[in-house]
Amino acid sequence: MNSFSQQDKQQIEARGMTVEQVEHQLKQISHGFPFLKLEAPAAVDEGIKALSDKEKERYMKIQADYAAEGHRIVKFVPASGAASRMFKNLFAFLSADYDVPTTAFEKEFFDNIKRFAFRKALCDKCKADAAMGLCKMIETGRYKDVVRNLLSKEGLNYGQLPKGLLLFHEYEDGPVTPMEEHLREAALYAASNGEAHVHFTVSHDHLEFFKQRVDEVKDKYEARYGVKYDITFSEQKPSTDTIAAEAGGKGDVPFRNADGSLLFRPGGHGALIENLNDIDADIVFIKNIDNVVVERKVQPTVEYKKLLAGVLISMQRQAFEYLEKLDRGDYELDDLMEMSAFVELQLGVSNPDVFLLDTQELAQYLRKKLNRPMRVCGVVRNVGEPGGGPFLAYNHDGTISPQILESSQIDMNNPDYKRMFTEGTHFNPVDIVCALKNYKGEAFDLTKYVDPRTGFISQKSKDGRELLALELPGLWNGAMSDWSTIFVEVPLETFNPVKTVNDLLRDAHQGTMNE
């Protein structure tokens, strides 16, 4: 038990936290988290649905009818991350002991610099800095000055800005940010009643920049797509931050800043379950800020987003029908067996003890599995990209269900589990459609469906000192652990993340001006 000073307690309470919470977090860092028990990696027909053409047609119609009925649909885009990792290789070039592009990455960047959507803005910065344009600066061998003008605060500041505000794609009417591509997508698959609701989670430092860009472009997209946008923002709540611990001991000693204050850090994207919980919507599309494509490539994304929503709506309606029947008490044993088959075959939840339950126990079990938030996750064939994988994992009640897992949740010292992870056929690109209300139209409290035992500990540093950081259960991992989860195979062309600046040279990110 830590002895916190009165000043510590004031700092903790000012963040909307309690001393008990902080003590519990230190205990989690000290004890660590258990690995999950796995049954198998999910595969097609073994936890992953591969839709036939007939099924696709049916689900597309379901989605279209649903949107026409005027349900409230929201697109939720986590967009708070800085773009610094995109430029890791270029930061390394700045500190290298050579001055000309040497690595394959550096050569690719400079050889193709005219193909980036930010090239004109970068050229303007170069002119302001040294009275010479981008091309002239490269011709005279001032490569590092080019990079400084791209990354530094005095230049474009791309090393610190969020990905959502970088110029990703270029069109005849000018370059656009990924934030704008998400506005485009929202109009194409997440609109109803002539409105498109889009919610971005952003950092406090970047909020005004996002609002300014929205004000600049909103009218253009409303006119182009004939929709009225409702664009909202939220910030990660200070109460979801986590205490940092000293790295040298057992993890139970809080890390303190030079002034003696406690160090709190953002708890990772799992903290966004609180932001999602505040969203008023019937269904929500979740997609990362950097997973966008140029307009000429967007149609497969639009089609499969509608398909995923159609699957969700269909499954939710069936679950609602069963729940209403359970509420009325209007069921026979045959009805319960039909519901059991739906839970196992459609929702992917298997219970080895289900046949041992009496009628009342079975009805209670089915109510619990049917009356909870639901999500449909698009999964793509594994091509070596980083990301969580779809698995069939054991739950604390002994059931087995579909889960998205990260490597940190899997015991890699277990040869069977390591094989499952490495041989998995699919991974999750954060392509999720969620249903957040119950069969009575009431919003679920999403915080009650988080598995607190699925966080993990990472090693970080502050001011040159090592520390242990507590990461909350991930938004699409442990934070949605107790949701109904359905995996649907989607084509790889719907997944086009930008992890490094050179990813913008891929065809999916090359607009009409660069064809």
Protein backbone atom coordinates (compact mmCIF):
# COMPACT_ATOMS: atom_id res chain seq x y z
CA MET A 1 0.00 0.00 0.00
CA ASN A 2 1.45 3.34 -1.07
CA SER A 3 1.44 6.30 1.23
CA PHE A 4 0.27 9.22 -0.89
CA SER A 5 0.81 12.76 0.37
CA GLN A 6 -1.98 15.29 0.56
CA GLN A 7 -0.54 16.90 -2.58
CA ASP A 8 -0.66 13.49 -4.36
CA LYS A 9 -4.29 13.05 -3.36
CA GLN A 10 -5.19 16.49 -4.68
CA GLN A 11 -3.46 15.69 -7.98
CA ILE A 12 -5.31 12.37 -8.24
CA GLU A 13 -8.71 13.86 -7.43
CA ALA A 14 -8.18 16.74 -9.88
CA ARG A 15 -7.97 14.11 -12.64
CA GLY A 16 -11.34 12.65 -11.68
CA MET A 17 -9.69 9.59 -10.14
CA THR A 18 -9.59 8.09 -6.66
CA VAL A 19 -6.64 6.97 -4.55
CA GLU A 20 -8.11 3.46 -4.62
CA GLN A 21 -8.04 3.45 -8.42
CA VAL A 22 -4.40 4.48 -8.49
CA GLU A 23 -3.45 1.88 -5.88
CA HIS A 24 -5.27 -0.76 -7.93
CA GLN A 25 -3.37 0.30 -11.06
CA LEU A 26 -0.04 -0.02 -9.25
CA LYS A 27 -1.09 -3.48 -8.09
CA GLN A 28 -1.88 -4.41 -11.71
CA ILE A 29 1.55 -3.21 -12.82
CA SER A 30 3.19 -5.15 -10.02
CA HIS A 31 1.29 -8.42 -10.59
CA GLY A 32 0.90 -8.23 -14.35
CA PHE A 33 -1.95 -9.73 -16.37
CA PRO A 34 -2.80 -13.37 -17.10
CA PHE A 35 -2.53 -14.71 -20.64
CA LEU A 36 -5.73 -15.80 -22.31
CA LYS A 37 -6.66 -19.42 -22.88
CA LEU A 38 -7.03 -20.15 -26.60
CA GLU A 39 -9.08 -22.73 -28.43
CA ALA A 40 -7.94 -21.95 -31.99
CA PRO A 41 -7.25 -19.14 -34.45
CA ALA A 42 -10.43 -18.15 -36.27
CA ALA A 43 -10.61 -19.25 -39.91
CA VAL A 44 -13.20 -19.28 -42.68
CA ASP A 45 -16.13 -21.45 -41.55
CA GLU A 46 -14.46 -21.73 -38.14
CA GLY A 47 -15.44 -18.41 -36.64
CA ILE A 48 -15.15 -16.31 -39.82
CA LYS A 49 -18.03 -15.90 -42.27
CA ALA A 50 -17.22 -15.75 -46.00
CA LEU A 51 -20.28 -14.31 -47.71
CA SER A 52 -21.70 -15.70 -50.93
CA ASP A 53 -22.90 -13.36 -53.69
CA LYS A 54 -26.51 -14.08 -52.70
CA GLU A 55 -25.79 -13.25 -49.06
CA LYS A 56 -24.01 -10.05 -50.06
CA GLU A 57 -27.05 -8.95 -52.07
CA ARG A 58 -29.38 -9.68 -49.13
CA TYR A 59 -27.23 -7.84 -46.57
CA MET A 60 -26.81 -4.83 -48.86
CA LYS A 61 -30.61 -4.54 -49.10
CA ILE A 62 -30.97 -4.86 -45.32
CA GLN A 63 -28.51 -2.02 -44.83
CA ALA A 64 -30.17 0.19 -47.45
CA ASP A 65 -33.62 -0.32 -45.91
CA TYR A 66 -32.24 0.37 -42.43
CA ALA A 67 -30.65 3.66 -43.51
CA ALA A 68 -33.88 4.64 -45.29
CA GLU A 69 -35.81 4.07 -42.06
CA GLY A 70 -33.88 6.93 -40.50
CA HIS A 71 -31.91 5.16 -37.79
CA ARG A 72 -29.14 7.19 -36.21
CA ILE A 73 -25.78 6.08 -37.65
CA VAL A 74 -22.41 7.46 -36.52
CA LYS A 75 -18.89 7.08 -37.89
CA PHE A 76 -16.40 6.96 -34.99
CA VAL A 77 -12.78 7.70 -35.91
CA PRO A 78 -9.92 7.44 -33.37
CA ALA A 79 -7.68 10.32 -34.51
CA SER A 80 -5.67 11.42 -31.50
CA GLY A 81 -2.33 9.83 -32.38
CA ALA A 82 0.57 11.99 -33.53
CA ALA A 83 2.14 11.18 -36.89
CA SER A 84 5.67 10.99 -35.46
CA ARG A 85 5.96 7.21 -36.04
CA MET A 86 5.18 7.77 -39.73
CA PHE A 87 8.47 9.63 -40.01
CA LYS A 88 10.69 7.43 -37.83
CA ASN A 89 13.01 6.71 -40.77
CA LEU A 90 13.31 10.39 -41.66
CA PHE A 91 14.07 11.34 -38.06
CA ALA A 92 16.81 8.70 -38.17
CA PHE A 93 18.16 10.30 -41.36
CA LEU A 94 18.40 13.69 -39.62
CA SER A 95 20.59 12.21 -36.88
CA ALA A 96 22.66 9.98 -39.19
CA ASP A 97 26.36 10.67 -39.80
CA TYR A 98 25.80 11.01 -43.56
CA ASP A 99 24.05 13.76 -45.54
CA VAL A 100 22.72 12.02 -48.66
CA PRO A 101 19.95 9.39 -48.93
CA THR A 102 21.60 6.06 -48.19
CA THR A 103 19.02 3.52 -47.02
CA ALA A 104 16.42 2.07 -49.39
CA PHE A 105 13.71 3.98 -47.50
CA GLU A 106 15.51 7.31 -47.82
CA LYS A 107 16.16 6.79 -51.53
CA GLU A 108 12.52 5.85 -52.16
CA PHE A 109 11.33 8.96 -50.33
CA PHE A 110 13.53 11.41 -52.26
CA ASP A 111 13.19 9.65 -55.63
CA ASN A 112 9.40 10.00 -55.39
CA ILE A 113 9.09 13.27 -53.54
CA LYS A 114 7.02 14.84 -56.33
CA ARG A 115 4.33 12.19 -55.81
CA PHE A 116 3.45 13.25 -52.27
CA ALA A 117 0.35 15.39 -51.78
CA PHE A 118 2.27 17.69 -49.42
CA ARG A 119 5.00 18.52 -51.97
CA LYS A 120 3.69 22.01 -52.84
CA ALA A 121 3.30 22.97 -49.18
CA LEU A 122 6.80 21.61 -48.53
CA CYS A 123 8.19 23.56 -51.48
CA ASP A 124 6.67 26.77 -50.09
CA LYS A 125 8.35 26.11 -46.73
CA CYS A 126 11.68 25.51 -48.45
CA LYS A 127 11.35 28.83 -50.28
CA ALA A 128 10.54 30.64 -47.05
CA ASP A 129 13.49 28.96 -45.31
CA ALA A 130 16.24 29.32 -47.90
CA ALA A 131 14.79 31.28 -50.82
CA MET A 132 14.94 28.17 -52.97
CA GLY A 133 12.30 25.64 -53.92
CA LEU A 134 12.16 21.97 -53.06
CA CYS A 135 13.74 20.79 -56.31
CA LYS A 136 16.60 23.28 -56.04
CA MET A 137 17.25 22.28 -52.46
CA ILE A 138 17.54 18.64 -53.52
CA GLU A 139 19.75 19.52 -56.52
CA THR A 140 22.19 21.29 -54.20
CA GLY A 141 22.34 18.30 -51.84
CA ARG A 142 20.47 19.91 -48.96
CA TYR A 143 18.49 16.74 -48.23
CA LYS A 144 18.43 17.18 -44.48
CA ASP A 145 17.10 20.72 -44.86
CA VAL A 146 14.22 19.28 -46.88
CA VAL A 147 13.41 16.86 -44.07
CA ARG A 148 13.68 19.58 -41.44
CA ASN A 149 11.23 21.72 -43.39
CA LEU A 150 8.86 18.78 -43.45
CA LEU A 151 9.11 17.71 -39.81
CA SER A 152 10.10 20.72 -37.70
CA LYS A 153 7.79 23.17 -35.99
CA GLU A 154 9.27 25.95 -38.13
CA GLY A 155 8.37 23.94 -41.24
CA LEU A 156 5.21 21.90 -41.86
CA ASN A 157 5.49 20.38 -38.36
CA TYR A 158 4.55 16.94 -39.69
CA GLY A 159 6.66 15.35 -36.98
CA GLN A 160 4.17 16.52 -34.34
CA LEU A 161 0.84 16.99 -36.09
CA PRO A 162 -1.78 14.21 -35.95
CA LYS A 163 -2.14 11.94 -38.98
CA GLY A 164 -5.65 13.25 -39.51
CA LEU A 165 -4.36 16.68 -40.53
CA LEU A 166 -1.53 15.70 -42.89
CA LEU A 167 -1.98 16.07 -46.63
CA PHE A 168 -2.44 12.46 -47.78
CA HIS A 169 -4.04 12.56 -51.22
CA GLU A 170 -4.02 14.99 -54.13
CA TYR A 171 -6.82 15.80 -56.55
CA GLU A 172 -7.35 18.36 -59.27
CA ASP A 173 -8.99 20.71 -56.77
CA GLY A 174 -6.15 20.36 -54.26
CA PRO A 175 -4.68 18.05 -51.62
CA VAL A 176 -6.82 16.57 -48.84
CA THR A 177 -6.31 15.14 -45.36
CA PRO A 178 -7.45 11.70 -44.15
CA MET A 179 -10.03 13.51 -42.03
CA GLU A 180 -11.66 14.67 -45.26
CA GLU A 181 -11.57 11.17 -46.73
CA HIS A 182 -13.52 10.01 -43.67
CA LEU A 183 -16.11 12.71 -44.35
CA ARG A 184 -16.40 11.37 -47.89
CA GLU A 185 -16.83 7.80 -46.65
CA ALA A 186 -19.44 8.84 -44.09
CA ALA A 187 -21.59 10.33 -46.83
CA LEU A 188 -21.28 7.17 -48.91
CA TYR A 189 -22.12 4.48 -46.32
CA ALA A 190 -22.99 6.02 -42.94
CA ALA A 191 -25.68 8.58 -43.81
CA SER A 192 -29.39 8.49 -42.99
CA ASN A 193 -32.13 11.11 -43.14
CA GLY A 194 -29.81 13.19 -45.31
CA GLU A 195 -27.35 13.50 -42.44
CA ALA A 196 -23.88 12.10 -41.84
CA HIS A 197 -22.75 12.02 -38.21
CA VAL A 198 -18.96 11.80 -37.80
CA HIS A 199 -17.13 11.76 -34.47
CA PHE A 200 -13.36 12.17 -34.13
CA THR A 201 -11.45 11.51 -30.92
CA VAL A 202 -8.56 13.96 -30.86
CA SER A 203 -5.90 15.21 -28.46
CA HIS A 204 -6.50 18.51 -26.70
CA ASP A 205 -3.52 20.13 -28.41
CA HIS A 206 -4.93 19.43 -31.87
CA LEU A 207 -8.64 20.07 -31.30
CA GLU A 208 -8.68 23.61 -32.66
CA PHE A 209 -6.68 22.56 -35.75
CA PHE A 210 -9.28 19.89 -36.51
CA LYS A 211 -12.16 22.31 -36.05
CA GLN A 212 -10.47 24.84 -38.31
CA ARG A 213 -10.00 22.27 -41.09
CA VAL A 214 -13.62 21.15 -40.77
CA ASP A 215 -14.79 24.76 -41.15
CA GLU A 216 -12.66 25.04 -44.31
CA VAL A 217 -13.97 21.93 -46.08
CA LYS A 218 -17.39 21.06 -44.68
CA ASP A 219 -19.42 23.07 -47.20
CA LYS A 220 -17.55 21.51 -50.13
CA TYR A 221 -18.41 17.94 -49.09
CA GLU A 222 -21.99 18.80 -48.17
CA ALA A 223 -22.52 20.23 -51.65
CA ARG A 224 -20.77 17.30 -53.34
CA TYR A 225 -22.67 14.53 -51.58
CA GLY A 226 -25.96 16.21 -50.75
CA VAL A 227 -25.76 15.52 -47.02
CA LYS A 228 -25.70 17.66 -43.93
CA TYR A 229 -22.72 16.85 -41.71
CA ASP A 230 -22.85 16.69 -37.94
CA ILE A 231 -19.16 16.61 -36.99
CA THR A 232 -18.25 16.28 -33.33
CA PHE A 233 -15.07 15.79 -31.33
CA SER A 234 -14.06 14.41 -27.98
CA GLU A 235 -10.81 14.12 -26.07
CA GLN A 236 -9.48 11.19 -24.09
CA LYS A 237 -10.64 11.75 -20.51
CA PRO A 238 -7.94 12.44 -17.86
CA SER A 239 -9.75 9.94 -15.62
CA THR A 240 -8.75 7.18 -18.07
CA ASP A 241 -5.03 7.92 -17.75
CA THR A 242 -2.93 5.46 -15.79
CA ILE A 243 -0.21 5.87 -13.19
CA ALA A 244 3.38 5.15 -14.24
CA ALA A 245 5.64 3.06 -12.01
CA GLU A 246 9.37 2.94 -11.38
CA ALA A 247 11.00 0.36 -13.62
CA GLY A 248 13.65 -0.80 -11.17
CA GLY A 249 11.50 -2.44 -8.50
CA LYS A 250 8.39 -4.58 -8.41
CA GLY A 251 6.23 -2.05 -10.22
CA ASP A 252 4.45 -0.94 -7.06
CA VAL A 253 6.38 2.33 -6.60
CA PRO A 254 4.89 5.29 -8.51
CA PHE A 255 7.13 7.15 -10.95
CA ARG A 256 7.57 10.78 -10.00
CA ASN A 257 8.48 13.76 -12.16
CA ALA A 258 11.43 15.98 -11.31
CA ASP A 259 9.13 18.23 -9.27
CA GLY A 260 7.91 15.26 -7.20
CA SER A 261 4.47 15.04 -8.82
CA LEU A 262 3.02 11.72 -9.93
CA LEU A 263 3.31 10.84 -13.62
CA PHE A 264 0.11 9.82 -15.39
CA ARG A 265 0.08 8.65 -18.99
CA PRO A 266 -2.69 8.06 -21.54
CA GLY A 267 -3.97 4.51 -21.06
CA GLY A 268 -3.94 3.63 -24.78
CA HIS A 269 -6.84 3.39 -27.23
CA GLY A 270 -8.77 1.26 -24.73
CA ALA A 271 -9.57 4.50 -22.91
CA LEU A 272 -11.78 5.43 -25.87
CA ILE A 273 -14.47 2.99 -24.69
CA GLU A 274 -15.52 5.92 -22.48
CA ASN A 275 -15.81 8.19 -25.54
CA LEU A 276 -17.71 5.53 -27.47
CA ASN A 277 -20.02 5.11 -24.49
CA ASP A 278 -21.04 8.76 -24.82
CA ILE A 279 -22.14 8.35 -28.45
CA ASP A 280 -25.90 8.34 -29.07
CA ALA A 281 -26.38 6.01 -32.02
CA ASP A 282 -28.15 2.86 -33.12
CA ILE A 283 -25.08 1.63 -34.99
CA VAL A 284 -21.52 2.95 -35.15
CA PHE A 285 -18.81 2.40 -37.74
CA ILE A 286 -15.29 2.35 -36.25
CA LYS A 287 -12.28 2.84 -38.48
CA ASN A 288 -8.75 4.16 -37.89
CA ILE A 289 -7.84 7.62 -39.18
CA ASP A 290 -5.05 6.41 -41.50
CA ASN A 291 -7.04 3.62 -43.21
CA VAL A 292 -8.34 5.60 -46.18
CA VAL A 293 -7.98 5.50 -49.97
CA VAL A 294 -8.25 7.96 -52.83
CA GLU A 295 -11.72 8.50 -54.26
CA ARG A 296 -11.23 6.29 -57.32
CA LYS A 297 -10.46 3.35 -55.00
CA VAL A 298 -13.20 3.85 -52.42
CA GLN A 299 -16.01 1.73 -53.88
CA PRO A 300 -14.96 -1.67 -52.42
CA THR A 301 -14.68 -0.04 -49.00
CA VAL A 302 -18.17 1.43 -49.32
CA GLU A 303 -19.63 -1.89 -50.47
CA TYR A 304 -18.13 -3.94 -47.67
CA LYS A 305 -18.96 -1.39 -44.98
CA LYS A 306 -22.59 -1.68 -46.05
CA LEU A 307 -22.30 -5.48 -46.02
CA LEU A 308 -20.89 -5.51 -42.49
CA ALA A 309 -23.71 -3.24 -41.35
CA GLY A 310 -26.25 -5.50 -43.05
CA VAL A 311 -24.88 -8.52 -41.19
CA LEU A 312 -25.03 -6.59 -37.90
CA ILE A 313 -28.60 -5.42 -38.43
CA SER A 314 -29.75 -8.91 -39.40
CA MET A 315 -28.12 -10.58 -36.39
CA GLN A 316 -29.33 -7.89 -34.01
CA ARG A 317 -32.93 -8.18 -35.18
CA GLN A 318 -32.89 -11.94 -34.62
CA ALA A 319 -31.38 -11.48 -31.15
CA PHE A 320 -34.05 -8.87 -30.32
CA GLU A 321 -36.81 -11.24 -31.44
CA TYR A 322 -35.50 -13.96 -29.16
CA LEU A 323 -35.11 -11.56 -26.21
CA GLU A 324 -38.68 -10.34 -26.56
CA LYS A 325 -39.84 -13.97 -26.57
CA LEU A 326 -37.79 -14.65 -23.43
CA ASP A 327 -39.30 -11.53 -21.82
CA ARG A 328 -42.83 -12.73 -22.50
CA GLY A 329 -42.07 -16.21 -21.26
CA ASP A 330 -43.58 -17.34 -24.53
CA TYR A 331 -41.27 -20.24 -25.36
CA GLU A 332 -40.98 -23.99 -25.32
CA LEU A 333 -37.86 -26.10 -25.04
CA ASP A 334 -37.69 -26.26 -28.85
CA ASP A 335 -37.54 -22.44 -28.94
CA LEU A 336 -34.66 -22.45 -26.47
CA MET A 337 -32.83 -25.01 -28.56
CA GLU A 338 -33.32 -22.77 -31.63
CA MET A 339 -31.90 -19.83 -29.69
CA SER A 340 -28.96 -21.98 -28.55
CA ALA A 341 -28.23 -22.85 -32.16
CA PHE A 342 -28.29 -19.15 -33.10
CA VAL A 343 -25.90 -18.25 -30.26
CA GLU A 344 -23.49 -21.00 -31.27
CA LEU A 345 -23.70 -20.97 -35.07
CA GLN A 346 -24.28 -17.26 -35.77
CA LEU A 347 -22.71 -15.54 -32.76
CA GLY A 348 -19.94 -18.12 -32.44
CA VAL A 349 -20.37 -18.75 -28.70
CA SER A 350 -19.98 -22.39 -27.69
CA ASN A 351 -20.74 -23.76 -24.25
CA PRO A 352 -19.68 -27.35 -23.54
CA ASP A 353 -22.08 -27.47 -20.57
CA VAL A 354 -25.18 -26.12 -22.31
CA PHE A 355 -26.90 -29.52 -22.35
CA LEU A 356 -26.48 -29.80 -18.58
CA LEU A 357 -28.66 -26.73 -17.96
CA ASP A 358 -32.32 -27.06 -17.01
CA THR A 359 -34.93 -24.99 -18.85
CA GLN A 360 -34.75 -22.00 -16.49
CA GLU A 361 -30.94 -21.99 -16.41
CA LEU A 362 -30.81 -22.26 -20.21
CA ALA A 363 -33.17 -19.28 -20.59
CA GLN A 364 -31.01 -17.22 -18.23
CA TYR A 365 -27.83 -18.21 -20.09
CA LEU A 366 -29.35 -17.28 -23.45
CA ARG A 367 -30.61 -13.94 -22.16
CA LYS A 368 -27.09 -13.09 -20.96
CA LYS A 369 -25.48 -13.97 -24.31
CA LEU A 370 -28.14 -12.24 -26.42
CA ASN A 371 -28.62 -9.05 -24.41
CA ARG A 372 -25.27 -7.31 -24.84
CA PRO A 373 -23.53 -4.97 -27.31
CA MET A 374 -22.88 -6.53 -30.70
CA ARG A 375 -20.15 -5.94 -33.27
CA VAL A 376 -19.30 -7.24 -36.70
CA CYS A 377 -15.58 -7.12 -37.48
CA GLY A 378 -14.16 -7.24 -40.96
CA VAL A 379 -11.04 -9.40 -41.09
CA VAL A 380 -8.58 -9.67 -43.97
CA ARG A 381 -6.16 -12.35 -45.07
CA ASN A 382 -2.91 -12.17 -43.14
CA VAL A 383 -0.13 -10.60 -45.20
CA GLY A 384 2.24 -9.81 -42.36
CA GLU A 385 0.81 -6.42 -41.36
CA PRO A 386 0.87 -5.65 -37.63
CA GLY A 387 -2.44 -5.90 -35.86
CA GLY A 388 -4.66 -8.01 -33.68
CA GLY A 389 -5.80 -11.42 -34.85
CA PRO A 390 -9.21 -13.12 -34.70
CA PHE A 391 -9.24 -16.07 -32.30
CA LEU A 392 -11.63 -18.38 -30.53
CA ALA A 393 -10.81 -17.88 -26.86
CA TYR A 394 -12.13 -19.04 -23.52
CA ASN A 395 -14.15 -16.66 -21.37
CA HIS A 396 -14.30 -16.56 -17.60
CA ASP A 397 -17.64 -18.39 -17.59
CA GLY A 398 -16.14 -21.35 -19.46
CA THR A 399 -17.66 -20.48 -22.82
CA ILE A 400 -15.63 -20.04 -26.01
CA SER A 401 -16.24 -17.02 -28.23
CA PRO A 402 -14.66 -14.96 -31.03
CA GLN A 403 -12.14 -12.43 -29.73
CA ILE A 404 -9.62 -10.04 -31.28
CA LEU A 405 -6.30 -10.60 -29.53
CA GLU A 406 -2.93 -8.86 -29.56
CA SER A 407 0.34 -10.75 -29.20
CA SER A 408 0.76 -9.36 -25.66
CA GLN A 409 -2.32 -11.34 -24.57
CA ILE A 410 -0.90 -14.65 -25.80
CA ASP A 411 1.66 -16.79 -23.98
CA MET A 412 4.34 -17.12 -26.66
CA ASN A 413 6.21 -19.60 -24.45
CA ASN A 414 3.38 -22.01 -25.10
CA PRO A 415 4.38 -23.66 -28.42
CA ASP A 416 0.76 -24.42 -29.36
CA TYR A 417 -0.33 -20.83 -28.78
CA LYS A 418 2.68 -19.42 -30.61
CA ARG A 419 1.85 -21.65 -33.58
CA MET A 420 -1.77 -20.45 -33.50
CA PHE A 421 -0.59 -16.84 -33.58
CA THR A 422 1.98 -17.29 -36.34
CA GLU A 423 -0.19 -19.54 -38.51
CA GLY A 424 -3.39 -17.50 -38.21
CA THR A 425 -4.94 -16.90 -41.63
CA HIS A 426 -6.50 -13.50 -40.86
CA PHE A 427 -6.00 -10.34 -38.86
CA ASN A 428 -8.19 -7.44 -37.76
CA PRO A 429 -7.64 -4.10 -39.52
CA VAL A 430 -10.00 -2.23 -37.13
CA ASP A 431 -12.96 -2.48 -39.46
CA ILE A 432 -15.87 -2.67 -37.02
CA VAL A 433 -19.60 -1.95 -37.03
CA CYS A 434 -21.23 -1.84 -33.60
CA ALA A 435 -24.75 -1.92 -32.16
CA LEU A 436 -24.87 -0.01 -28.87
CA LYS A 437 -28.54 -0.28 -27.80
CA ASN A 438 -30.58 -3.13 -26.34
CA TYR A 439 -33.86 -4.52 -27.62
CA LYS A 440 -35.78 -1.85 -25.68
CA GLY A 441 -33.86 0.95 -27.39
CA GLU A 442 -31.80 1.72 -24.29
CA ALA A 443 -28.08 2.38 -24.54
CA PHE A 444 -25.80 -0.25 -23.03
CA ASP A 445 -23.25 0.92 -20.47
CA LEU A 446 -20.21 -0.22 -22.44
CA THR A 447 -17.89 0.05 -19.45
CA LYS A 448 -19.64 -2.98 -17.93
CA TYR A 449 -18.50 -5.20 -20.82
CA VAL A 450 -14.76 -4.56 -20.44
CA ASP A 451 -12.53 -7.39 -19.23
CA PRO A 452 -10.18 -5.58 -16.80
CA ARG A 453 -7.81 -8.56 -16.85
CA THR A 454 -6.77 -7.95 -20.47
CA GLY A 455 -4.52 -4.91 -20.06
CA PHE A 456 -0.77 -5.14 -20.44
CA ILE A 457 2.43 -3.53 -19.20
CA SER A 458 4.83 -1.71 -21.52
CA GLN A 459 8.26 -0.19 -20.93
CA LYS A 460 8.63 3.52 -21.65
CA SER A 461 10.94 6.34 -20.62
CA LYS A 462 10.59 9.91 -19.39
CA ASP A 463 13.47 12.39 -19.16
CA GLY A 464 15.91 9.55 -19.76
CA ARG A 465 14.49 7.40 -16.95
CA GLU A 466 12.87 4.03 -17.57
CA LEU A 467 9.32 3.46 -16.37
CA LEU A 468 6.53 0.88 -16.48
CA ALA A 469 3.31 1.98 -18.15
CA LEU A 470 -0.12 0.40 -17.75
CA GLU A 471 -2.07 0.01 -20.99
CA LEU A 472 -5.83 -0.39 -20.56
CA PRO A 473 -7.68 -3.24 -22.30
CA GLY A 474 -7.58 -2.27 -25.99
CA LEU A 475 -10.68 -0.74 -27.58
CA TRP A 476 -11.24 -3.68 -29.95
CA ASN A 477 -9.60 -6.25 -27.64
CA GLY A 478 -10.39 -6.44 -23.94
CA ALA A 479 -12.63 -3.36 -23.89
CA MET A 480 -15.11 -5.25 -26.11
CA SER A 481 -14.35 -8.67 -24.63
CA ASP A 482 -17.91 -9.36 -23.45
CA TRP A 483 -19.64 -8.22 -26.66
CA SER A 484 -21.27 -10.50 -29.20
CA THR A 485 -18.60 -10.65 -31.92
CA ILE A 486 -19.00 -11.79 -35.51
CA PHE A 487 -16.08 -12.04 -37.94
CA VAL A 488 -16.68 -11.49 -41.67
CA GLU A 489 -13.97 -11.85 -44.30
CA VAL A 490 -13.37 -8.66 -46.32
CA PRO A 491 -10.95 -8.16 -49.22
CA LEU A 492 -7.46 -6.83 -48.59
CA GLU A 493 -8.15 -3.87 -50.89
CA THR A 494 -10.36 -2.42 -48.13
CA PHE A 495 -7.33 -2.14 -45.83
CA ASN A 496 -4.83 0.57 -46.74
CA PRO A 497 -3.15 1.92 -43.60
CA VAL A 498 -0.40 4.52 -43.67
CA LYS A 499 2.22 3.42 -41.16
CA THR A 500 5.19 5.18 -42.81
CA VAL A 501 5.32 8.20 -45.07
CA ASN A 502 6.37 6.00 -48.01
CA ASP A 503 3.09 4.09 -47.74
CA LEU A 504 1.56 7.17 -49.36
CA LEU A 505 3.32 6.11 -52.58
CA ARG A 506 1.11 3.03 -52.87
CA ASP A 507 -1.51 3.09 -55.60
CA ALA A 508 -4.36 3.32 -53.07
CA HIS A 509 -3.04 6.73 -51.99
CA GLN A 510 -2.17 8.21 -55.37
CA GLY A 511 -4.83 10.65 -56.53
CA THR A 512 -5.79 11.90 -59.96
CA MET A 513 -2.96 14.44 -60.08
CA ASN A 514 -0.35 11.68 -59.83
CA GLU A 515 -1.74 9.18 -62.31
